[in-house]
Amino acid sequence: MPAKLSIDPRLFNPKFRFRAKEIALIHDCWEQGGSILLTGIRRTGKSEVLKAALHRLALAGHPVGHLDVQDYDSLARFYQDLLEILLRHAPITVRDRLGELVKGAAGLPDALACWIRGQISEVNVAEMLELKLNPPAEQLLRYWQPLVEELASAMAVHEDARTLPVIGIDELPFMLENLLRAGVETRELTIMLASLRKLRAAGLRLIVAGSISFENLLTLNDIPHTVLGGFSRQSIPPFSREEAAIYLREELAGSPAGEAAMIELALDTLPDCVPEFLWIAVPRLKGCKNRQASEEALHQEVLPAIRRSFLQQFEERLGKNYTIDELPCAERILDAIAEGAPDGSRIDGSKLPTGYQRVLLKLQYDNFIIDGTDFKWRFSLNLVRQWWRAQRGMA
C-alpha cells in the first residue's frame, strides 16, 4: 500500500471541536522548528488533532505528509512510505543534493543508490505522478542507517528548514507493538526511532501521536528514552463539561433532547466527556421526546454501546499482557486505586510484591491508570473505574 499523502476527509466533519488552542500551539512549535509528541488517553481525539493541524498547514501552501501506522507490521514498509513522503515533498534543492550524495555513498549498494536516484528523477520531472517504489525490501532495511545519514546531510545544508515537509506519524506505539509481536528485535526499533531523531536534528519537523505512556513502552522493552529527546509533549484531554454541553446543544438542536435539562441529564449519566462517548450518544438521543425516553435511551442503548466499544480492550489486555505472577499484583494495584477517591490514591509499595514497579508501568501503558495529583494514581477514565469496581464487587 502506498503512503497516504492526503489528509483524511473526516477533517471536514463539523463534529471536530474545541481544539483551536492545541492546534495553535502545534503550529507555533513548528514555526520554531520543533516537533510534537501528542499524548493522551485513547479516543480523546489525538488523531483528529494531528490531521487538523496538518490540514491547516497544507491550506497555507506548506508541504505535509501523513502516515497512519497502526496496522504496520513491517519496518521495511514504514521506511519505504516515509522515504516516499520525503522524496515527494522535499524541496528540489534537497532532492538534488541527495542525488549527488548517494552517487558516492560508500555505505549503499549500487542497486539501492540507483533506485533512489531514479525516484528523485521521477519526482523532479512530474511532481504529481505516483512514485515507482519497488526497492529490494531487505536492502532498504539493511541500509537504512547510511541512507538516513545521506538524507540528513542533504537537509542540513538546505537554506530554510521551514520549507521542508512536516510529517505526521499516527499511532506509532501500535506499530511498535506490532513489530515486537512480529519478532523484530528492539535493536532495530531503537535504530528506527534514532533515525527519526537524526532527521529532526537536520530540520525535519514531525508530529507523532501516541498513548500517554509511550515512554513506558520503551522502558518495558529496554529502548532508550533518548530517542524521544527534543519532542515538545502536548496532552489532548477529554472535553470539559462545558465543551460537551456546547457540542450536545449543537447536535441536538431542534429536538427535545437538546433542551437544557435534557443536556444536563445526559452529562450526569455519561461516565466521561470523551468525544467518542458523545458521538455514540447523539444519534440515540435525537428521537427522544421527553425525560423518560432520554433516560431509557441513555441506560439501555448509550451506556451499553460505550461499554462494548471501550471495555473490551481493557479485558483483552488484562488477559494477554500480564503473566500468571503479574496478574495478582495488577489486581491488587487496581483494587487499591478503586477503593480510594475518584481523583486518585497513593500506592503503598511495601504491601506489594517485589517487582511491582514493572506491573505499574504496564498498567500505565495499557491505559488503566494515569498520574493523579500529588503523587497519586487514578483510573484513566471514570468508566474504567466503574467497570473495575463492578468486576470486583465493590459497593
Protein backbone atom coordinates (compact mmCIF):
# COMPACT_ATOMS: atom_id res chain seq x y z
CA MET A 1 0.00 0.00 0.00
CA PRO A 2 1.48 3.42 -0.89
CA ALA A 3 1.96 6.11 1.72
CA LYS A 4 -1.09 8.19 2.50
CA LEU A 5 -0.16 11.65 1.26
CA SER A 6 -3.59 13.25 1.51
CA ILE A 7 -5.27 14.28 4.73
CA ASP A 8 -8.28 12.32 5.91
CA PRO A 9 -11.50 13.91 4.60
CA ARG A 10 -13.12 13.47 8.01
CA LEU A 11 -11.30 16.68 8.96
CA PHE A 12 -14.11 18.50 7.23
CA ASN A 13 -16.63 16.87 9.58
CA PRO A 14 -18.30 19.63 11.63
CA LYS A 15 -18.14 17.36 14.70
CA PHE A 16 -14.47 18.32 15.12
CA ARG A 17 -14.50 20.79 18.02
CA PHE A 18 -12.66 22.74 20.67
CA ARG A 19 -9.02 22.17 19.70
CA ALA A 20 -8.08 25.63 18.40
CA LYS A 21 -5.70 26.25 21.32
CA GLU A 22 -3.93 22.92 20.84
CA ILE A 23 -3.56 23.44 17.07
CA ALA A 24 -2.22 26.97 17.59
CA LEU A 25 0.44 25.61 19.97
CA ILE A 26 1.38 22.91 17.44
CA HIS A 27 1.78 25.46 14.65
CA ASP A 28 3.85 27.70 16.91
CA CYS A 29 6.13 24.77 17.74
CA TRP A 30 6.57 24.02 14.03
CA GLU A 31 7.30 27.69 13.34
CA GLN A 32 10.13 27.45 15.88
CA GLY A 33 11.48 24.34 14.11
CA GLY A 34 10.26 21.87 16.74
CA SER A 35 8.39 18.55 16.68
CA ILE A 36 5.43 17.44 18.77
CA LEU A 37 4.50 14.26 20.59
CA LEU A 38 0.73 14.18 21.12
CA THR A 39 -0.25 12.20 24.19
CA GLY A 40 -3.47 11.40 25.99
CA ILE A 41 -5.75 8.50 26.80
CA ARG A 42 -7.28 6.63 23.90
CA ARG A 43 -10.26 8.02 21.99
CA THR A 44 -9.76 11.64 23.10
CA GLY A 45 -9.11 12.80 19.54
CA LYS A 46 -5.32 12.80 19.17
CA SER A 47 -5.57 11.58 15.57
CA GLU A 48 -8.11 14.26 14.66
CA VAL A 49 -5.92 16.98 16.15
CA LEU A 50 -2.90 15.67 14.25
CA LYS A 51 -4.77 15.65 10.95
CA ALA A 52 -6.38 19.04 11.56
CA ALA A 53 -3.01 20.65 12.30
CA LEU A 54 -1.51 19.16 9.12
CA HIS A 55 -4.54 20.09 7.04
CA ARG A 56 -4.47 23.72 8.11
CA LEU A 57 -0.76 23.89 7.36
CA ALA A 58 -1.41 22.39 3.92
CA LEU A 59 -4.11 25.00 3.25
CA ALA A 60 -1.41 27.63 3.80
CA GLY A 61 0.61 26.03 0.98
CA HIS A 62 3.11 24.10 3.08
CA PRO A 63 4.03 20.52 2.09
CA VAL A 64 2.79 17.91 4.54
CA GLY A 65 2.66 14.13 4.74
CA HIS A 66 0.60 11.76 6.83
CA LEU A 67 1.22 8.15 7.82
CA ASP A 68 -1.26 6.12 9.85
CA VAL A 69 0.95 3.23 11.00
CA GLN A 70 -1.47 1.47 13.36
CA ASP A 71 -1.55 -1.68 11.20
CA TYR A 72 2.09 -1.67 10.08
CA ASP A 73 3.99 -4.84 10.97
CA SER A 74 6.99 -4.29 8.68
CA LEU A 75 9.86 -1.88 9.24
CA ALA A 76 10.69 -2.00 5.53
CA ARG A 77 7.18 -0.79 4.68
CA PHE A 78 7.48 2.07 7.15
CA TYR A 79 10.86 3.10 5.77
CA GLN A 80 9.56 2.94 2.21
CA ASP A 81 6.48 5.05 2.94
CA LEU A 82 8.48 7.61 4.93
CA LEU A 83 11.03 7.82 2.12
CA GLU A 84 8.25 8.36 -0.42
CA ILE A 85 6.97 11.37 1.51
CA LEU A 86 10.46 12.80 1.87
CA LEU A 87 11.28 12.38 -1.82
CA ARG A 88 7.95 13.70 -3.00
CA HIS A 89 7.71 16.76 -0.76
CA ALA A 90 11.28 17.86 -0.05
CA PRO A 91 12.45 21.00 -1.90
CA ILE A 92 14.16 20.33 -5.22
CA THR A 93 17.48 21.57 -3.82
CA VAL A 94 17.34 18.87 -1.13
CA ARG A 95 16.46 16.15 -3.64
CA ASP A 96 19.25 17.24 -5.99
CA ARG A 97 21.72 17.28 -3.11
CA LEU A 98 20.58 13.82 -2.04
CA GLY A 99 21.03 12.58 -5.59
CA GLU A 100 24.61 13.82 -5.55
CA LEU A 101 25.30 12.28 -2.17
CA VAL A 102 24.01 8.81 -2.99
CA LYS A 103 26.20 8.64 -6.09
CA GLY A 104 29.25 8.40 -3.90
CA ALA A 105 27.74 6.87 -0.77
CA ALA A 106 30.11 4.09 0.21
CA GLY A 107 27.61 2.61 2.62
CA LEU A 108 24.92 2.00 0.00
CA PRO A 109 24.93 -0.79 -2.59
CA ASP A 110 24.83 0.31 -6.23
CA ALA A 111 21.35 -1.11 -6.81
CA LEU A 112 19.82 0.87 -3.94
CA ALA A 113 21.69 4.07 -4.88
CA CYS A 114 20.49 3.78 -8.49
CA TRP A 115 16.92 3.17 -7.33
CA ILE A 116 16.96 6.28 -5.12
CA ARG A 117 18.34 8.45 -7.93
CA GLY A 118 15.60 7.08 -10.18
CA GLN A 119 12.89 8.09 -7.73
CA ILE A 120 14.37 11.60 -7.42
CA SER A 121 14.31 11.99 -11.22
CA GLU A 122 10.72 10.78 -11.32
CA VAL A 123 9.65 13.38 -8.75
CA ASN A 124 11.56 16.23 -10.39
CA VAL A 125 10.05 15.51 -13.80
CA ALA A 126 6.44 15.03 -12.75
CA GLU A 127 5.51 16.10 -9.22
CA MET A 128 2.05 14.54 -9.22
CA LEU A 129 2.91 11.10 -10.60
CA GLU A 130 2.94 8.13 -8.26
CA LEU A 131 6.44 7.04 -7.42
CA LYS A 132 7.60 3.62 -8.54
CA LEU A 133 8.62 2.41 -5.13
CA ASN A 134 9.72 -1.17 -5.58
CA PRO A 135 13.13 -1.36 -3.89
CA PRO A 136 14.54 -4.61 -2.58
CA ALA A 137 12.94 -4.55 0.87
CA GLU A 138 15.88 -6.21 2.58
CA GLN A 139 18.27 -3.64 1.13
CA LEU A 140 16.18 -0.74 2.36
CA LEU A 141 16.01 -2.32 5.81
CA ARG A 142 19.68 -3.21 5.93
CA TYR A 143 20.99 0.12 4.68
CA TRP A 144 18.56 2.47 6.39
CA GLN A 145 21.19 3.96 8.69
CA PRO A 146 23.61 5.12 5.94
CA LEU A 147 20.64 6.27 3.86
CA VAL A 148 19.42 8.43 6.76
CA GLU A 149 22.93 9.86 7.06
CA GLU A 150 22.70 10.99 3.43
CA LEU A 151 19.19 12.36 3.91
CA ALA A 152 20.24 14.28 6.99
CA SER A 153 23.30 15.68 5.18
CA ALA A 154 21.12 16.85 2.30
CA MET A 155 18.64 18.52 4.66
CA ALA A 156 21.25 20.11 6.92
CA VAL A 157 22.66 22.32 4.14
CA HIS A 158 19.23 23.50 3.00
CA GLU A 159 18.85 27.26 3.45
CA ASP A 160 15.43 27.29 5.14
CA ALA A 161 14.41 24.20 7.11
CA ARG A 162 10.86 25.59 7.35
CA THR A 163 10.32 24.68 3.69
CA LEU A 164 10.94 21.00 4.44
CA PRO A 165 7.76 18.91 4.69
CA VAL A 166 6.02 18.45 8.02
CA ILE A 167 5.16 14.80 8.57
CA GLY A 168 2.53 13.30 10.85
CA ILE A 169 3.02 9.74 12.13
CA ASP A 170 -0.17 8.49 13.75
CA GLU A 171 -0.37 5.56 16.21
CA LEU A 172 3.37 4.95 16.40
CA PRO A 173 3.08 2.93 19.68
CA PHE A 174 0.71 0.50 17.96
CA MET A 175 3.26 -0.01 15.19
CA LEU A 176 5.96 -0.72 17.78
CA GLU A 177 3.68 -3.30 19.42
CA ASN A 178 3.01 -4.93 16.06
CA LEU A 179 6.70 -5.11 15.25
CA LEU A 180 7.56 -6.59 18.63
CA ARG A 181 4.86 -9.24 18.17
CA ALA A 182 6.31 -9.96 14.72
CA GLY A 183 9.68 -10.69 16.31
CA VAL A 184 11.51 -7.52 15.32
CA GLU A 185 14.44 -7.01 17.67
CA THR A 186 14.42 -3.99 19.97
CA ARG A 187 17.78 -3.05 18.47
CA GLU A 188 16.06 -2.47 15.12
CA LEU A 189 13.35 -0.39 16.78
CA THR A 190 15.99 1.70 18.52
CA ILE A 191 17.65 2.31 15.15
CA MET A 192 14.33 3.35 13.63
CA LEU A 193 13.49 5.81 16.42
CA ALA A 194 17.05 7.14 16.45
CA SER A 195 16.82 7.76 12.69
CA LEU A 196 13.73 9.92 13.24
CA ARG A 197 15.69 11.91 15.80
CA LYS A 198 18.58 12.36 13.36
CA LEU A 199 16.21 13.64 10.66
CA ARG A 200 14.62 16.03 13.15
CA ALA A 201 18.07 17.31 14.09
CA ALA A 202 18.62 18.05 10.38
CA GLY A 203 15.47 20.20 10.22
CA LEU A 204 12.60 17.79 9.57
CA ARG A 205 9.53 18.56 11.69
CA LEU A 206 7.24 15.81 12.91
CA ILE A 207 4.03 15.36 14.81
CA VAL A 208 3.71 11.92 16.38
CA ALA A 209 0.57 10.68 18.10
CA GLY A 210 0.88 8.05 20.80
CA SER A 211 -0.59 7.00 24.09
CA ILE A 212 0.22 8.90 27.26
CA SER A 213 2.52 6.03 28.26
CA PHE A 214 4.73 5.94 25.16
CA GLU A 215 7.76 6.19 27.44
CA ASN A 216 6.58 3.16 29.39
CA LEU A 217 6.54 1.07 26.22
CA LEU A 218 10.18 1.99 25.69
CA THR A 219 11.06 1.19 29.30
CA LEU A 220 9.32 -2.18 29.22
CA ASN A 221 11.33 -3.13 26.13
CA ASP A 222 14.69 -1.64 27.18
CA ILE A 223 14.65 1.02 24.46
CA PRO A 224 16.50 4.21 25.49
CA HIS A 225 14.28 7.25 26.09
CA THR A 226 16.87 9.42 24.35
CA VAL A 227 15.23 8.53 21.03
CA LEU A 228 12.31 10.74 22.08
CA GLY A 229 14.55 13.63 23.10
CA GLY A 230 13.63 17.03 21.74
CA PHE A 231 9.91 16.42 21.29
CA SER A 232 7.53 19.01 22.70
CA ARG A 233 4.88 16.98 24.54
CA GLN A 234 1.28 18.06 24.32
CA SER A 235 -1.57 16.23 26.02
CA ILE A 236 -5.03 16.08 24.44
CA PRO A 237 -7.58 15.89 27.27
CA PRO A 238 -11.22 14.82 27.06
CA PHE A 239 -13.74 17.62 26.56
CA SER A 240 -14.61 19.72 29.56
CA ARG A 241 -18.21 19.51 30.78
CA GLU A 242 -18.86 22.95 29.25
CA GLU A 243 -17.46 21.86 25.86
CA ALA A 244 -19.52 18.66 25.99
CA ALA A 245 -22.65 20.71 26.74
CA ILE A 246 -21.98 23.01 23.76
CA TYR A 247 -21.45 20.03 21.50
CA LEU A 248 -24.68 18.32 22.60
CA ARG A 249 -26.69 21.55 22.26
CA GLU A 250 -25.46 21.99 18.69
CA GLU A 251 -26.01 18.39 17.66
CA LEU A 252 -29.41 18.03 19.35
CA ALA A 253 -30.74 21.46 18.39
CA GLY A 254 -34.41 21.37 17.39
CA SER A 255 -35.22 18.21 19.36
CA PRO A 256 -36.50 17.92 22.95
CA ALA A 257 -33.23 16.18 23.84
CA GLY A 258 -31.43 19.48 23.15
CA GLU A 259 -33.19 21.35 25.95
CA ALA A 260 -31.03 22.46 28.87
CA ALA A 261 -32.47 20.00 31.40
CA MET A 262 -32.05 17.08 28.99
CA ILE A 263 -28.44 18.09 28.26
CA GLU A 264 -27.70 18.09 31.98
CA LEU A 265 -29.32 14.66 32.29
CA ALA A 266 -27.08 13.31 29.55
CA LEU A 267 -23.94 14.80 31.09
CA ASP A 268 -24.84 13.48 34.54
CA THR A 269 -25.35 10.00 33.08
CA LEU A 270 -22.33 9.72 30.79
CA PRO A 271 -19.26 8.45 32.71
CA ASP A 272 -16.82 10.82 30.96
CA CYS A 273 -16.77 13.65 28.42
CA VAL A 274 -14.69 11.68 25.94
CA PRO A 275 -15.58 12.87 22.39
CA GLU A 276 -16.47 9.38 21.21
CA PHE A 277 -18.90 8.91 24.12
CA LEU A 278 -20.74 11.98 22.85
CA TRP A 279 -20.70 10.72 19.25
CA ILE A 280 -22.23 7.48 20.45
CA ALA A 281 -24.91 9.31 22.46
CA VAL A 282 -26.17 11.87 19.93
CA PRO A 283 -27.96 9.64 17.37
CA ARG A 284 -29.57 7.62 20.18
CA LEU A 285 -30.92 10.75 21.90
CA LYS A 286 -32.19 12.68 18.87
CA GLY A 287 -35.55 10.95 18.74
CA CYS A 288 -36.28 11.18 22.47
CA LYS A 289 -39.32 13.34 23.15
CA ASN A 290 -39.22 13.53 26.95
CA ARG A 291 -37.08 12.88 30.02
CA GLN A 292 -38.26 9.29 30.45
CA ALA A 293 -37.38 8.45 26.85
CA SER A 294 -33.93 10.04 27.27
CA GLU A 295 -33.27 8.12 30.48
CA GLU A 296 -34.24 4.85 28.80
CA ALA A 297 -32.05 5.59 25.78
CA LEU A 298 -29.09 6.53 27.97
CA HIS A 299 -29.27 3.44 30.16
CA GLN A 300 -30.46 0.88 27.64
CA GLU A 301 -28.63 2.00 24.49
CA VAL A 302 -25.93 4.62 25.06
CA LEU A 303 -24.13 3.19 28.10
CA PRO A 304 -24.15 -0.41 26.77
CA ALA A 305 -22.76 0.84 23.43
CA ILE A 306 -19.99 2.78 25.21
CA ARG A 307 -19.09 -0.28 27.29
CA ARG A 308 -18.97 -2.51 24.24
CA SER A 309 -16.79 -0.03 22.41
CA PHE A 310 -14.33 0.75 25.20
CA LEU A 311 -14.10 -2.01 27.78
CA GLN A 312 -13.18 -4.94 25.55
CA GLN A 313 -9.67 -3.56 25.05
CA PHE A 314 -9.09 -3.50 28.82
CA GLU A 315 -10.38 -7.03 29.28
CA GLU A 316 -8.16 -8.27 26.45
CA ARG A 317 -5.02 -6.53 27.70
CA LEU A 318 -5.52 -7.74 31.24
CA GLY A 319 -5.80 -11.30 29.96
CA LYS A 320 -2.90 -11.15 27.48
CA ASN A 321 -0.31 -8.69 28.77
CA TYR A 322 0.25 -9.99 32.31
CA THR A 323 1.93 -13.20 33.34
CA ILE A 324 0.48 -15.56 35.93
CA ASP A 325 2.74 -13.92 38.51
CA GLU A 326 1.97 -10.36 37.42
CA LEU A 327 -1.83 -10.62 37.25
CA PRO A 328 -2.44 -10.84 41.05
CA CYS A 329 -0.20 -7.81 41.54
CA ALA A 330 -2.07 -5.88 38.85
CA GLU A 331 -5.37 -6.73 40.51
CA ARG A 332 -4.12 -5.56 43.92
CA ILE A 333 -2.94 -2.25 42.47
CA LEU A 334 -6.24 -1.65 40.68
CA ASP A 335 -8.20 -2.64 43.80
CA ALA A 336 -6.27 -0.14 45.92
CA ILE A 337 -6.94 2.68 43.44
CA ALA A 338 -10.60 1.68 43.00
CA GLU A 339 -11.19 1.76 46.75
CA GLY A 340 -9.77 5.27 47.00
CA ALA A 341 -11.14 8.62 45.89
CA PRO A 342 -12.01 9.07 42.19
CA ASP A 343 -9.35 11.78 41.81
CA GLY A 344 -6.57 9.44 42.90
CA SER A 345 -4.90 7.37 45.60
CA ARG A 346 -1.34 6.66 46.61
CA ILE A 347 0.05 3.14 46.38
CA ASP A 348 1.88 1.57 49.30
CA GLY A 349 4.68 -0.34 47.59
CA SER A 350 5.67 -2.07 50.84
CA LYS A 351 2.43 -4.07 50.65
CA LEU A 352 3.02 -5.20 47.08
CA PRO A 353 5.22 -7.99 45.68
CA THR A 354 8.80 -7.32 44.69
CA GLY A 355 8.95 -6.02 41.14
CA TYR A 356 5.54 -4.32 41.31
CA GLN A 357 7.03 -1.30 39.52
CA ARG A 358 7.06 -3.20 36.22
CA VAL A 359 3.39 -4.09 36.66
CA LEU A 360 2.68 -0.44 37.41
CA LEU A 361 4.39 0.52 34.16
CA LYS A 362 2.26 -1.99 32.26
CA LEU A 363 -0.94 -0.66 33.81
CA GLN A 364 0.04 2.83 32.69
CA TYR A 365 0.92 1.65 29.21
CA ASP A 366 -2.35 -0.22 28.90
CA ASN A 367 -4.21 2.96 29.91
CA PHE A 368 -5.75 1.50 33.05
CA ILE A 369 -4.24 4.23 35.22
CA ILE A 370 -2.68 7.67 34.83
CA ASP A 371 -0.92 10.14 37.10
CA GLY A 372 -3.14 11.94 39.57
CA THR A 373 -2.17 14.97 41.63
CA ASP A 374 0.36 14.90 44.49
CA PHE A 375 1.98 11.56 43.53
CA LYS A 376 -1.35 9.76 43.37
CA TRP A 377 -2.72 7.34 40.78
CA ARG A 378 -6.19 7.34 39.28
CA PHE A 379 -8.07 5.44 36.61
CA SER A 380 -7.69 6.84 33.11
CA LEU A 381 -11.47 7.12 32.79
CA ASN A 382 -14.33 7.08 35.26
CA LEU A 383 -15.80 4.38 33.01
CA VAL A 384 -12.81 2.11 33.74
CA ARG A 385 -13.13 2.80 37.47
CA GLN A 386 -16.85 1.93 37.39
CA TRP A 387 -16.14 -1.25 35.43
CA TRP A 388 -13.38 -2.40 37.76
CA ARG A 389 -15.42 -1.76 40.89
CA ALA A 390 -18.31 -3.72 39.38
CA GLN A 391 -15.97 -6.57 38.38
CA ARG A 392 -14.60 -6.79 41.92
CA GLY A 393 -17.96 -6.49 43.66
CA MET A 394 -17.22 -3.14 45.28
CA ALA A 395 -20.22 -1.18 46.53
